[in-house]
Amino acid sequence: MATIGDQILTVDQIKGFLYSNELLEISDKALERVRKNHQFLKDFSIDKIIYGINTGFGPMAQYRVSDEDRKTLQYNLIRSHCSGTGNALDPVYVKAAMIVRLNSFLIGKSGVHESLVLLLRDLVNNNITPVIYEHGGVGASGDLVQLAHLGQCLIGEGSVHYNGKICTAAEAFKAAGIKPIDIQIREGLAVMNGTSFMTGIGVVNLIQAQQLLDWSINAASLINELIASYDDYFSAELNEVKLHAGQQFVASEIRRRLAGSSLIKSRANHLYKKVDEMYFEDKVQEYYSIRCVPQIVGPIADTIQYATQVMENEVNSVNDNPVVDQETNNIYHGGNFHGDYISLEMDKVKIAITKLAMLAERQINYLMNSKLNNMLPPFLNKGVLGLNFGLQGIQFTATSTVAECQTLANPMYVHSIPNNNDNQDIVSMGTNAALLCAKVIENAYQVLAIELMSVTQAIDILELTNRLSVSNSAVLATVHSVFVPFKEDQPKYKEIQQLSAKMRVSVQQTSVPQPN
């Protein structure tokens, strides 16, 4: 059990709630802030015109709503915006969004009743997540459509994922012994008018991107040892004169993984001495995809690290409109629901992960092409050349998947389309950006799985399995649990899927079906 509401909520803490089924509790101080803030809003709003309480929404804010219709207004907002289409999203994204929305409410600037935060807590702890669809959000007045489907669940309507099945919210609530919220004053708008859905997806993306980065460094370390590369490519001396934290981090991680290796060569021992040959069989310098890994992967590491800072800032921000502030005795109208910070970072991460997949594809090609590596059979074929095909087939898959990533890497951040009677005349498309980033990350896992299968086959061909560093031996053992080097041709699609799933941070709950 972890308590939230008293301090900054980090991506690592959210990871525990998502992937280890750690339960969360709300601090007493945070709950008291919510109570005081809600009471302030009730008192302050008497005889005042306040957006979304006694007015319509968006361009209809010019219309006043009577006091007797205030609650109906909130229900109408939720129900009218439940218009999502496309595939139902993985519950892990939805659960992340619910945690993010809850944390924002606990800051005590949203004017919501305490029953809302308590219900969100109970839903998260019981793994009850509403069925929410991929299409609908433009990321400007918050994630209106996706969060409307969350709001529908909170009022006890719609469908949810629960215990590995899809059922009605009413059925899940009854089974878990919880009750829907009773709208008080602005709970409908408060649920919908924020960036929590794009942020929740973004948090999951960063968790998976960080894991993917680690696998990329693993793959590069294996290849360096496989080909007995020189150690100065990733030396501290070389990389510390380039003043980028990411590059230095990647180089140090490669050094750590190669510690104790008997295969890595010292340039001083091989070339920095009297040499009589006029032609060298071994390359004096390897191809860029091998010796420039710190310089290529370093910016990716920096991008993920900075995006994590931005995401944590958003997770711990108030992104409502209006912002209810009892400390200054005022209510502020503005645009904290605008998702540009998330949209831009998701585009940057998407571009970075595409480059990671491109690097893996080039490393795969190096291993497959005997004319490049000069040490391995074509396509890592252990059988009869011409009769057998080795890993030729999976290279096509890697190439195709990387090509899709390159197209998806085009930015969403600059694709604003005015809508809502031009009230929303420039929007972030943050949810779309986060979802496209998720697709690129998924693709990249498949490409990295193919790379690890390829390097494992290569290690077996050269009979190096028992000569690897301790760290690389552990990585190889993980790959061997799914993929075993082979001679006779056989389908490999299942192993790609299984290894890709094994590489990802895994959700500790049963997968759920798509709704009809």
Protein backbone atom coordinates (compact mmCIF):
# COMPACT_ATOMS: atom_id res chain seq x y z
CA MET A 1 0.00 0.00 0.00
CA ALA A 2 1.40 3.39 -1.04
CA THR A 3 -0.04 6.74 -0.02
CA ILE A 4 -0.42 9.51 -2.59
CA GLY A 5 -1.38 13.15 -2.26
CA ASP A 6 1.39 14.46 0.00
CA GLN A 7 4.34 14.52 -2.40
CA ILE A 8 5.30 14.38 -6.05
CA LEU A 9 4.00 11.27 -7.80
CA THR A 10 6.73 9.82 -10.03
CA VAL A 11 6.66 7.62 -13.11
CA ASP A 12 8.38 4.88 -11.09
CA GLN A 13 5.64 4.99 -8.46
CA ILE A 14 2.94 4.78 -11.13
CA LYS A 15 4.82 1.81 -12.57
CA GLY A 16 4.33 0.02 -9.26
CA PHE A 17 0.58 0.63 -9.33
CA LEU A 18 0.32 -0.54 -12.95
CA TYR A 19 2.63 -3.52 -13.13
CA SER A 20 2.93 -4.84 -9.58
CA ASN A 21 -0.71 -4.31 -8.59
CA GLU A 22 0.44 -2.18 -5.67
CA LEU A 23 -2.56 -0.67 -3.89
CA LEU A 24 -2.84 3.07 -3.33
CA GLU A 25 -4.27 5.10 -0.49
CA ILE A 26 -5.07 8.79 -0.26
CA SER A 27 -3.39 10.81 2.45
CA ASP A 28 -5.58 12.43 5.10
CA LYS A 29 -4.12 15.85 4.28
CA ALA A 30 -4.98 15.49 0.59
CA LEU A 31 -8.52 14.38 1.37
CA GLU A 32 -8.97 17.37 3.67
CA ARG A 33 -7.74 19.69 0.89
CA VAL A 34 -10.36 18.22 -1.44
CA ARG A 35 -13.11 18.75 1.13
CA LYS A 36 -12.15 22.38 1.81
CA ASN A 37 -11.79 23.16 -1.88
CA HIS A 38 -15.20 21.70 -2.68
CA GLN A 39 -16.87 23.64 0.10
CA PHE A 40 -15.19 26.84 -1.06
CA LEU A 41 -16.56 26.32 -4.57
CA LYS A 42 -20.09 25.76 -3.27
CA ASP A 43 -19.97 28.93 -1.19
CA PHE A 44 -18.16 31.07 -3.76
CA SER A 45 -20.43 30.13 -6.66
CA ILE A 46 -23.57 31.51 -5.05
CA ASP A 47 -24.91 34.43 -7.13
CA LYS A 48 -21.93 34.29 -9.52
CA ILE A 49 -21.58 33.19 -13.12
CA ILE A 50 -18.92 30.49 -13.27
CA TYR A 51 -18.11 28.52 -16.38
CA GLY A 52 -19.36 24.95 -16.33
CA ILE A 53 -21.38 25.35 -13.15
CA ASN A 54 -24.23 27.54 -14.27
CA THR A 55 -23.27 28.00 -17.94
CA GLY A 56 -23.10 25.80 -20.97
CA PHE A 57 -19.79 24.44 -22.21
CA GLY A 58 -17.40 25.58 -24.91
CA PRO A 59 -19.04 28.00 -27.35
CA MET A 60 -22.34 27.54 -25.45
CA ALA A 61 -20.85 29.15 -22.35
CA GLN A 62 -22.82 32.25 -23.28
CA TYR A 63 -26.00 30.46 -22.20
CA ARG A 64 -26.92 30.45 -18.54
CA VAL A 65 -28.18 27.24 -16.93
CA SER A 66 -30.80 27.45 -14.18
CA ASP A 67 -29.93 26.35 -10.66
CA GLU A 68 -32.34 23.42 -10.78
CA ASP A 69 -30.60 22.06 -13.89
CA ARG A 70 -27.02 22.23 -12.59
CA LYS A 71 -26.67 18.52 -11.85
CA THR A 72 -28.39 17.54 -15.07
CA LEU A 73 -25.87 19.72 -16.90
CA GLN A 74 -22.99 17.61 -15.57
CA TYR A 75 -24.67 14.31 -16.50
CA ASN A 76 -25.49 15.67 -19.97
CA LEU A 77 -21.87 16.65 -20.53
CA ILE A 78 -20.62 13.16 -19.73
CA ARG A 79 -23.23 11.28 -21.73
CA SER A 80 -23.09 13.53 -24.79
CA HIS A 81 -19.33 13.14 -25.18
CA CYS A 82 -19.20 9.35 -24.91
CA SER A 83 -18.48 9.14 -28.63
CA GLY A 84 -15.18 7.29 -28.93
CA THR A 85 -14.51 4.93 -31.82
CA GLY A 86 -11.83 2.52 -32.94
CA ASN A 87 -10.24 -0.20 -30.86
CA ALA A 88 -10.78 -0.42 -27.13
CA LEU A 89 -7.55 0.60 -25.44
CA ASP A 90 -5.41 -1.66 -23.29
CA PRO A 91 -6.63 -1.35 -19.68
CA VAL A 92 -3.10 -0.43 -18.54
CA TYR A 93 -3.43 2.93 -20.36
CA VAL A 94 -6.83 3.52 -18.78
CA LYS A 95 -5.63 2.63 -15.30
CA ALA A 96 -2.68 4.99 -15.73
CA ALA A 97 -5.02 7.80 -16.77
CA MET A 98 -7.23 7.17 -13.73
CA ILE A 99 -4.23 7.39 -11.40
CA VAL A 100 -3.09 10.61 -13.05
CA ARG A 101 -6.58 12.15 -12.82
CA LEU A 102 -6.87 11.16 -9.18
CA ASN A 103 -3.49 12.69 -8.35
CA SER A 104 -4.47 15.96 -10.02
CA PHE A 105 -7.68 16.14 -7.98
CA LEU A 106 -5.73 15.61 -4.77
CA ILE A 107 -3.91 18.92 -5.28
CA GLY A 108 -7.19 20.49 -4.21
CA LYS A 109 -7.85 22.99 -6.99
CA SER A 110 -10.63 21.21 -8.91
CA GLY A 111 -13.65 21.77 -6.69
CA VAL A 112 -14.72 18.12 -6.72
CA HIS A 113 -16.56 16.26 -3.99
CA GLU A 114 -14.52 13.75 -1.98
CA SER A 115 -16.70 10.89 -3.23
CA LEU A 116 -15.07 11.28 -6.66
CA VAL A 117 -11.51 10.77 -5.44
CA LEU A 118 -12.54 7.90 -3.17
CA LEU A 119 -14.27 6.14 -6.05
CA LEU A 120 -11.25 6.58 -8.33
CA ARG A 121 -9.11 5.05 -5.60
CA ASP A 122 -11.44 2.07 -5.29
CA LEU A 123 -11.62 1.52 -9.05
CA VAL A 124 -7.82 1.56 -9.36
CA ASN A 125 -7.35 -0.82 -6.43
CA ASN A 126 -9.97 -3.22 -7.79
CA ASN A 127 -8.63 -3.10 -11.37
CA ILE A 128 -11.95 -1.86 -12.70
CA THR A 129 -11.20 0.16 -15.83
CA PRO A 130 -13.79 1.60 -18.20
CA VAL A 131 -13.81 0.53 -21.83
CA ILE A 132 -12.35 3.53 -23.64
CA TYR A 133 -11.71 3.86 -27.35
CA GLU A 134 -8.67 5.15 -29.21
CA HIS A 135 -10.33 7.82 -31.36
CA GLY A 136 -12.03 11.00 -30.20
CA GLY A 137 -9.65 13.25 -28.30
CA VAL A 138 -8.10 16.38 -29.81
CA GLY A 139 -6.15 17.16 -26.65
CA ALA A 140 -7.16 20.76 -26.17
CA SER A 141 -10.11 21.12 -23.81
CA GLY A 142 -8.63 18.09 -22.18
CA ASP A 143 -9.12 14.53 -23.38
CA LEU A 144 -12.83 15.19 -23.59
CA VAL A 145 -14.04 12.05 -25.34
CA GLN A 146 -11.82 9.52 -23.60
CA LEU A 147 -12.39 11.10 -20.20
CA ALA A 148 -16.15 11.23 -20.86
CA HIS A 149 -16.08 7.43 -21.03
CA LEU A 150 -14.29 7.48 -17.66
CA GLY A 151 -17.00 9.80 -16.37
CA GLN A 152 -19.65 7.41 -17.65
CA CYS A 153 -18.09 4.67 -15.53
CA LEU A 154 -17.95 6.94 -12.48
CA ILE A 155 -21.69 7.53 -12.65
CA GLY A 156 -22.23 3.77 -12.87
CA GLU A 157 -22.93 3.51 -16.59
CA GLY A 158 -21.17 2.00 -19.61
CA SER A 159 -18.86 -1.00 -19.86
CA VAL A 160 -15.72 -1.86 -17.91
CA HIS A 161 -12.87 -4.37 -17.84
CA TYR A 162 -13.07 -6.42 -14.64
CA ASN A 163 -11.60 -9.81 -13.71
CA GLY A 164 -10.48 -10.45 -17.28
CA LYS A 165 -13.91 -9.81 -18.77
CA ILE A 166 -16.00 -6.97 -20.11
CA CYS A 167 -19.15 -6.30 -18.14
CA THR A 168 -21.35 -3.37 -17.25
CA ALA A 169 -20.13 -0.85 -14.72
CA ALA A 170 -23.17 -1.65 -12.59
CA GLU A 171 -22.20 -5.35 -12.45
CA ALA A 172 -18.57 -4.59 -11.54
CA PHE A 173 -19.59 -2.07 -8.89
CA LYS A 174 -21.95 -4.55 -7.29
CA ALA A 175 -19.30 -7.30 -7.28
CA ALA A 176 -16.69 -4.99 -5.76
CA GLY A 177 -19.08 -3.44 -3.25
CA ILE A 178 -18.64 0.15 -4.43
CA LYS A 179 -21.08 2.85 -5.47
CA PRO A 180 -21.06 5.44 -8.29
CA ILE A 181 -20.57 9.09 -7.49
CA ASP A 182 -23.48 11.42 -6.92
CA ILE A 183 -22.85 14.59 -8.92
CA GLN A 184 -22.61 17.60 -6.61
CA ILE A 185 -21.59 20.70 -8.55
CA ARG A 186 -18.93 20.24 -11.30
CA GLU A 187 -17.73 16.63 -11.15
CA GLY A 188 -18.64 15.96 -14.80
CA LEU A 189 -16.55 18.84 -16.11
CA ALA A 190 -13.75 18.15 -13.65
CA VAL A 191 -13.37 14.56 -14.83
CA MET A 192 -13.31 15.52 -18.51
CA ASN A 193 -11.51 18.84 -18.58
CA GLY A 194 -7.90 17.74 -18.24
CA THR A 195 -4.87 16.11 -19.86
CA SER A 196 -4.90 12.96 -17.77
CA PHE A 197 -5.58 10.47 -20.53
CA MET A 198 -2.77 11.56 -22.84
CA THR A 199 -0.56 11.79 -19.76
CA GLY A 200 -1.49 8.30 -18.61
CA ILE A 201 -0.65 6.85 -22.02
CA GLY A 202 2.54 8.91 -21.99
CA VAL A 203 3.60 7.47 -18.64
CA VAL A 204 3.14 3.91 -19.94
CA ASN A 205 5.07 4.85 -23.09
CA LEU A 206 8.00 6.09 -21.05
CA ILE A 207 8.06 2.98 -18.87
CA GLN A 208 8.18 0.81 -21.98
CA ALA A 209 10.60 3.10 -23.82
CA GLN A 210 13.06 2.97 -20.93
CA GLN A 211 12.91 -0.82 -20.97
CA LEU A 212 13.37 -0.81 -24.74
CA LEU A 213 16.43 1.42 -24.39
CA ASP A 214 17.94 -1.13 -22.01
CA TRP A 215 17.38 -3.94 -24.51
CA SER A 216 18.97 -1.87 -27.26
CA ILE A 217 22.10 -1.47 -25.15
CA ASN A 218 22.02 -5.21 -24.45
CA ALA A 219 21.90 -5.95 -28.18
CA ALA A 220 24.76 -3.56 -28.94
CA SER A 221 26.86 -5.10 -26.17
CA LEU A 222 26.26 -8.60 -27.52
CA ILE A 223 27.25 -7.57 -31.05
CA ASN A 224 30.42 -5.85 -29.83
CA GLU A 225 31.44 -9.00 -28.03
CA LEU A 226 30.38 -11.23 -30.92
CA ILE A 227 32.67 -9.45 -33.38
CA ALA A 228 35.45 -8.86 -30.82
CA SER A 229 35.37 -5.12 -31.35
CA TYR A 230 37.89 -2.65 -29.96
CA ASP A 231 37.17 -1.26 -26.52
CA ASP A 232 37.83 2.40 -27.29
CA TYR A 233 34.44 2.84 -28.99
CA PHE A 234 32.76 2.87 -25.59
CA SER A 235 35.69 3.93 -23.41
CA ALA A 236 35.23 6.64 -20.78
CA GLU A 237 38.10 8.63 -22.27
CA LEU A 238 36.51 8.86 -25.71
CA ASN A 239 32.94 9.51 -24.59
CA GLU A 240 33.60 11.93 -21.75
CA VAL A 241 35.06 14.53 -24.11
CA LYS A 242 31.61 14.70 -25.72
CA LEU A 243 29.60 16.58 -23.13
CA HIS A 244 26.25 14.82 -23.38
CA ALA A 245 24.90 12.89 -20.42
CA GLY A 246 23.05 10.37 -22.57
CA GLN A 247 26.12 9.43 -24.59
CA GLN A 248 28.22 9.02 -21.46
CA PHE A 249 25.47 6.92 -19.86
CA VAL A 250 25.17 4.57 -22.84
CA ALA A 251 28.94 4.12 -23.07
CA SER A 252 29.18 3.35 -19.36
CA GLU A 253 26.35 0.83 -19.62
CA ILE A 254 28.10 -0.96 -22.50
CA ARG A 255 31.30 -1.05 -20.45
CA ARG A 256 29.38 -2.52 -17.51
CA ARG A 257 27.82 -5.22 -19.66
CA LEU A 258 31.19 -6.12 -21.20
CA ALA A 259 33.09 -6.19 -17.90
CA GLY A 260 35.34 -9.23 -17.73
CA SER A 261 34.99 -10.04 -21.43
CA SER A 262 37.83 -12.03 -22.97
CA LEU A 263 36.61 -11.24 -26.49
CA ILE A 264 36.82 -7.43 -26.60
CA LYS A 265 40.13 -6.22 -28.04
CA SER A 266 42.47 -3.47 -26.87
CA ARG A 267 43.65 -1.27 -29.73
CA ALA A 268 46.95 -0.77 -27.93
CA ASN A 269 47.63 -4.51 -27.96
CA HIS A 270 46.75 -5.00 -31.61
CA LEU A 271 47.57 -1.84 -33.55
CA TYR A 272 49.59 0.50 -31.35
CA LYS A 273 52.82 -1.39 -31.97
CA LYS A 274 55.08 -2.21 -34.91
CA VAL A 275 52.92 -3.79 -37.62
CA ASP A 276 54.35 -5.15 -40.88
CA GLU A 277 51.12 -6.01 -42.74
CA MET A 278 50.01 -3.74 -45.59
CA TYR A 279 46.42 -5.06 -45.48
CA PHE A 280 44.45 -5.87 -42.33
CA GLU A 281 41.95 -8.72 -42.28
CA ASP A 282 40.20 -7.27 -39.24
CA LYS A 283 38.55 -3.87 -39.63
CA VAL A 284 40.49 -0.98 -38.11
CA GLN A 285 37.13 0.68 -37.42
CA GLU A 286 33.70 -0.93 -37.40
CA TYR A 287 30.62 0.33 -39.20
CA TYR A 288 28.78 3.25 -37.59
CA SER A 289 25.92 1.01 -36.39
CA ILE A 290 28.45 -0.68 -34.08
CA ARG A 291 31.06 1.86 -33.05
CA CYS A 292 28.72 4.89 -32.86
CA VAL A 293 26.15 3.33 -30.54
CA PRO A 294 26.86 5.78 -27.65
CA GLN A 295 26.50 8.73 -30.03
CA ILE A 296 23.29 7.35 -31.61
CA VAL A 297 21.55 5.96 -28.54
CA GLY A 298 22.73 8.75 -26.22
CA PRO A 299 20.27 11.35 -27.59
CA ILE A 300 17.50 8.76 -27.26
CA ALA A 301 18.35 8.27 -23.59
CA ASP A 302 18.37 12.05 -23.06
CA THR A 303 15.01 12.38 -24.84
CA ILE A 304 13.38 9.75 -22.64
CA GLN A 305 14.87 11.32 -19.51
CA TYR A 306 13.63 14.81 -20.36
CA ALA A 307 10.20 13.52 -21.42
CA THR A 308 9.94 11.83 -18.02
CA GLN A 309 10.52 15.18 -16.32
CA VAL A 310 7.79 16.79 -18.43
CA MET A 311 5.40 13.92 -17.80
CA GLU A 312 5.94 14.08 -14.04
CA ASN A 313 5.33 17.83 -14.13
CA GLU A 314 2.00 17.16 -15.85
CA VAL A 315 1.10 14.29 -13.50
CA ASN A 316 1.48 16.67 -10.56
CA SER A 317 -0.25 19.66 -12.18
CA VAL A 318 -3.74 21.08 -12.02
CA ASN A 319 -5.12 20.91 -15.56
CA ASP A 320 -8.74 21.93 -14.99
CA ASN A 321 -10.65 24.92 -16.27
CA PRO A 322 -11.55 26.79 -14.23
CA VAL A 323 -9.02 26.40 -11.40
CA VAL A 324 -10.67 26.69 -7.98
CA ASP A 325 -8.35 28.41 -5.51
CA GLN A 326 -9.61 28.89 -1.97
CA GLU A 327 -6.24 30.27 -0.86
CA THR A 328 -6.68 33.40 -2.99
CA ASN A 329 -10.46 33.33 -2.69
CA ASN A 330 -10.88 33.26 -6.43
CA ILE A 331 -11.66 31.06 -9.44
CA TYR A 332 -9.41 31.38 -12.49
CA HIS A 333 -10.45 30.67 -16.07
CA GLY A 334 -7.85 29.73 -18.65
CA GLY A 335 -6.45 26.79 -20.60
CA ASN A 336 -4.52 24.43 -18.32
CA PHE A 337 -6.31 21.60 -20.13
CA HIS A 338 -4.22 22.22 -23.25
CA GLY A 339 -1.98 19.23 -23.99
CA ASP A 340 0.89 20.75 -25.98
CA TYR A 341 3.55 19.70 -23.48
CA ILE A 342 2.50 16.07 -23.76
CA SER A 343 2.00 16.17 -27.51
CA LEU A 344 5.45 17.56 -28.20
CA GLU A 345 7.20 15.11 -25.87
CA MET A 346 5.35 12.13 -27.31
CA ASP A 347 6.42 13.19 -30.81
CA LYS A 348 10.01 13.50 -29.64
CA VAL A 349 9.97 10.09 -27.97
CA LYS A 350 8.32 8.61 -31.06
CA ILE A 351 11.10 9.99 -33.27
CA ALA A 352 13.76 8.76 -30.85
CA ILE A 353 12.34 5.24 -30.68
CA THR A 354 12.06 5.14 -34.46
CA LYS A 355 15.80 5.87 -34.62
CA LEU A 356 16.36 3.07 -32.10
CA ALA A 357 14.47 0.69 -34.40
CA MET A 358 16.47 1.95 -37.38
CA LEU A 359 19.72 1.22 -35.55
CA ALA A 360 18.51 -2.30 -34.74
CA GLU A 361 17.60 -2.87 -38.38
CA ARG A 362 21.09 -1.82 -39.51
CA GLN A 363 22.66 -4.12 -36.92
CA ILE A 364 20.43 -6.96 -38.14
CA ASN A 365 21.52 -6.27 -41.70
CA TYR A 366 25.17 -6.38 -40.61
CA LEU A 367 24.65 -9.81 -39.08
CA MET A 368 22.72 -11.13 -42.10
CA ASN A 369 25.09 -9.87 -44.79
CA SER A 370 28.19 -12.06 -44.98
CA LYS A 371 29.89 -9.49 -47.22
CA LEU A 372 29.70 -6.96 -44.40
CA ASN A 373 30.63 -9.06 -41.39
CA ASN A 374 33.05 -11.45 -43.13
CA MET A 375 32.55 -14.09 -40.44
CA LEU A 376 28.99 -15.42 -40.65
CA PRO A 377 27.03 -17.34 -43.33
CA PRO A 378 24.38 -15.42 -45.29
CA PHE A 379 21.22 -14.87 -43.22
CA LEU A 380 22.88 -16.72 -40.33
CA ASN A 381 22.03 -19.96 -42.12
CA LYS A 382 23.26 -23.06 -40.27
CA GLY A 383 21.83 -25.36 -42.94
CA VAL A 384 22.66 -25.92 -46.59
CA LEU A 385 23.02 -22.67 -48.52
CA GLY A 386 20.39 -22.55 -51.23
CA LEU A 387 18.31 -25.30 -49.68
CA ASN A 388 17.84 -23.63 -46.31
CA PHE A 389 17.12 -19.96 -45.63
CA GLY A 390 18.14 -19.33 -42.03
CA LEU A 391 16.78 -16.01 -40.73
CA GLN A 392 16.13 -14.49 -44.14
CA GLY A 393 12.38 -14.30 -43.51
CA ILE A 394 12.51 -12.35 -40.27
CA GLN A 395 14.73 -9.68 -41.82
CA PHE A 396 11.83 -8.76 -44.10
CA THR A 397 9.63 -8.31 -41.04
CA ALA A 398 12.19 -6.06 -39.36
CA THR A 399 12.59 -3.92 -42.47
CA SER A 400 8.84 -3.59 -42.99
CA THR A 401 8.20 -2.69 -39.36
CA VAL A 402 10.91 -0.04 -39.30
CA ALA A 403 9.47 1.49 -42.47
CA GLU A 404 6.10 1.84 -40.71
CA CYS A 405 7.81 3.49 -37.74
CA GLN A 406 9.46 6.01 -40.07
CA THR A 407 6.07 7.03 -41.46
CA LEU A 408 4.46 7.16 -38.00
CA ALA A 409 7.37 9.33 -36.79
CA ASN A 410 5.90 12.35 -38.58
CA PRO A 411 4.80 14.80 -35.89
CA MET A 412 1.25 15.03 -34.60
CA TYR A 413 2.06 18.18 -32.60
CA VAL A 414 1.69 20.39 -35.68
CA HIS A 415 -1.56 18.79 -36.90
CA SER A 416 -4.10 21.17 -35.42
CA ILE A 417 -7.61 21.24 -36.90
CA PRO A 418 -10.02 23.86 -35.50
CA ASN A 419 -13.32 22.45 -34.24
CA ASN A 420 -16.06 23.05 -31.65
CA ASN A 421 -17.45 25.99 -33.65
CA ASP A 422 -13.88 27.35 -33.74
CA ASN A 423 -13.86 27.73 -29.98
CA GLN A 424 -11.03 25.20 -30.04
CA ASP A 425 -9.21 26.98 -32.84
CA ILE A 426 -5.78 25.46 -32.12
CA VAL A 427 -5.44 22.09 -30.44
CA SER A 428 -2.62 19.77 -29.31
CA MET A 429 -3.72 16.36 -30.62
CA GLY A 430 -1.91 15.08 -27.54
CA THR A 431 -3.87 11.84 -27.21
CA ASN A 432 -3.23 10.97 -30.85
CA ALA A 433 0.45 11.76 -30.36
CA ALA A 434 0.63 9.48 -27.32
CA LEU A 435 -1.16 6.63 -29.08
CA LEU A 436 1.06 6.87 -32.17
CA CYS A 437 4.08 6.86 -29.90
CA ALA A 438 2.73 3.69 -28.26
CA LYS A 439 2.45 2.04 -31.68
CA VAL A 440 6.04 2.94 -32.56
CA ILE A 441 7.24 1.52 -29.23
CA GLU A 442 5.31 -1.70 -29.87
CA ASN A 443 6.89 -1.95 -33.33
CA ALA A 444 10.35 -1.32 -31.95
CA TYR A 445 10.01 -4.18 -29.48
CA GLN A 446 9.32 -6.51 -32.41
CA VAL A 447 12.39 -5.26 -34.28
CA LEU A 448 14.60 -5.60 -31.18
CA ALA A 449 13.26 -9.13 -30.64
CA ILE A 450 14.31 -10.01 -34.19
CA GLU A 451 17.73 -8.49 -33.56
CA LEU A 452 18.23 -10.50 -30.37
CA MET A 453 17.19 -13.68 -32.16
CA SER A 454 19.69 -12.88 -34.90
CA VAL A 455 22.61 -12.16 -32.60
CA THR A 456 21.80 -15.31 -30.61
CA GLN A 457 21.97 -17.38 -33.79
CA ALA A 458 25.25 -15.70 -34.69
CA ILE A 459 26.77 -16.42 -31.28
CA ASP A 460 25.80 -20.07 -31.67
CA ILE A 461 27.36 -20.27 -35.16
CA LEU A 462 30.67 -18.90 -33.86
CA GLU A 463 30.47 -21.11 -30.76
CA LEU A 464 30.83 -18.18 -28.37
CA THR A 465 28.01 -19.03 -25.96
CA ASN A 466 30.36 -20.00 -23.14
CA ARG A 467 32.81 -17.13 -23.72
CA LEU A 468 30.52 -14.16 -23.19
CA SER A 469 30.68 -11.71 -20.30
CA VAL A 470 28.54 -12.50 -17.26
CA SER A 471 26.02 -9.77 -18.15
CA ASN A 472 25.73 -10.83 -21.79
CA SER A 473 25.37 -14.47 -20.75
CA ALA A 474 22.31 -13.51 -18.67
CA VAL A 475 20.79 -11.70 -21.65
CA LEU A 476 21.45 -14.71 -23.87
CA ALA A 477 19.76 -16.99 -21.36
CA THR A 478 16.62 -14.82 -21.53
CA VAL A 479 16.56 -15.07 -25.32
CA HIS A 480 17.19 -18.84 -25.18
CA SER A 481 14.09 -19.26 -23.03
CA VAL A 482 12.07 -18.38 -26.13
CA PHE A 483 14.36 -18.83 -29.13
CA VAL A 484 16.76 -21.71 -29.73
CA PRO A 485 19.31 -21.50 -32.58
CA PHE A 486 18.26 -23.80 -35.41
CA LYS A 487 19.42 -25.47 -38.60
CA GLU A 488 16.27 -26.71 -40.33
CA ASP A 489 13.82 -24.07 -41.58
CA GLN A 490 10.77 -23.46 -39.40
CA PRO A 491 8.20 -20.69 -38.75
CA LYS A 492 9.50 -17.96 -36.45
CA TYR A 493 6.51 -15.65 -35.98
CA LYS A 494 5.52 -17.12 -32.63
CA GLU A 495 9.02 -16.68 -31.22
CA ILE A 496 9.08 -13.04 -32.33
CA GLN A 497 5.80 -12.45 -30.52
CA GLN A 498 6.86 -14.38 -27.41
CA LEU A 499 10.25 -12.71 -27.12
CA SER A 500 8.79 -9.26 -27.71
CA ALA A 501 6.27 -9.87 -24.93
CA LYS A 502 9.00 -11.17 -22.62
CA MET A 503 11.10 -8.06 -23.21
CA ARG A 504 8.31 -5.65 -22.30
CA VAL A 505 7.36 -4.62 -18.80
CA SER A 506 4.47 -7.00 -18.22
CA VAL A 507 1.10 -6.30 -16.68
CA GLN A 508 0.24 -8.56 -13.76
CA GLN A 509 -3.35 -9.18 -14.78
CA THR A 510 -5.28 -11.29 -17.26
CA SER A 511 -5.57 -9.91 -20.77
CA VAL A 512 -9.05 -8.84 -21.77
CA PRO A 513 -11.06 -9.28 -24.96
CA GLN A 514 -12.23 -6.53 -27.27
CA PRO A 515 -15.91 -5.56 -26.91
CA ASN A 516 -18.30 -6.61 -29.63
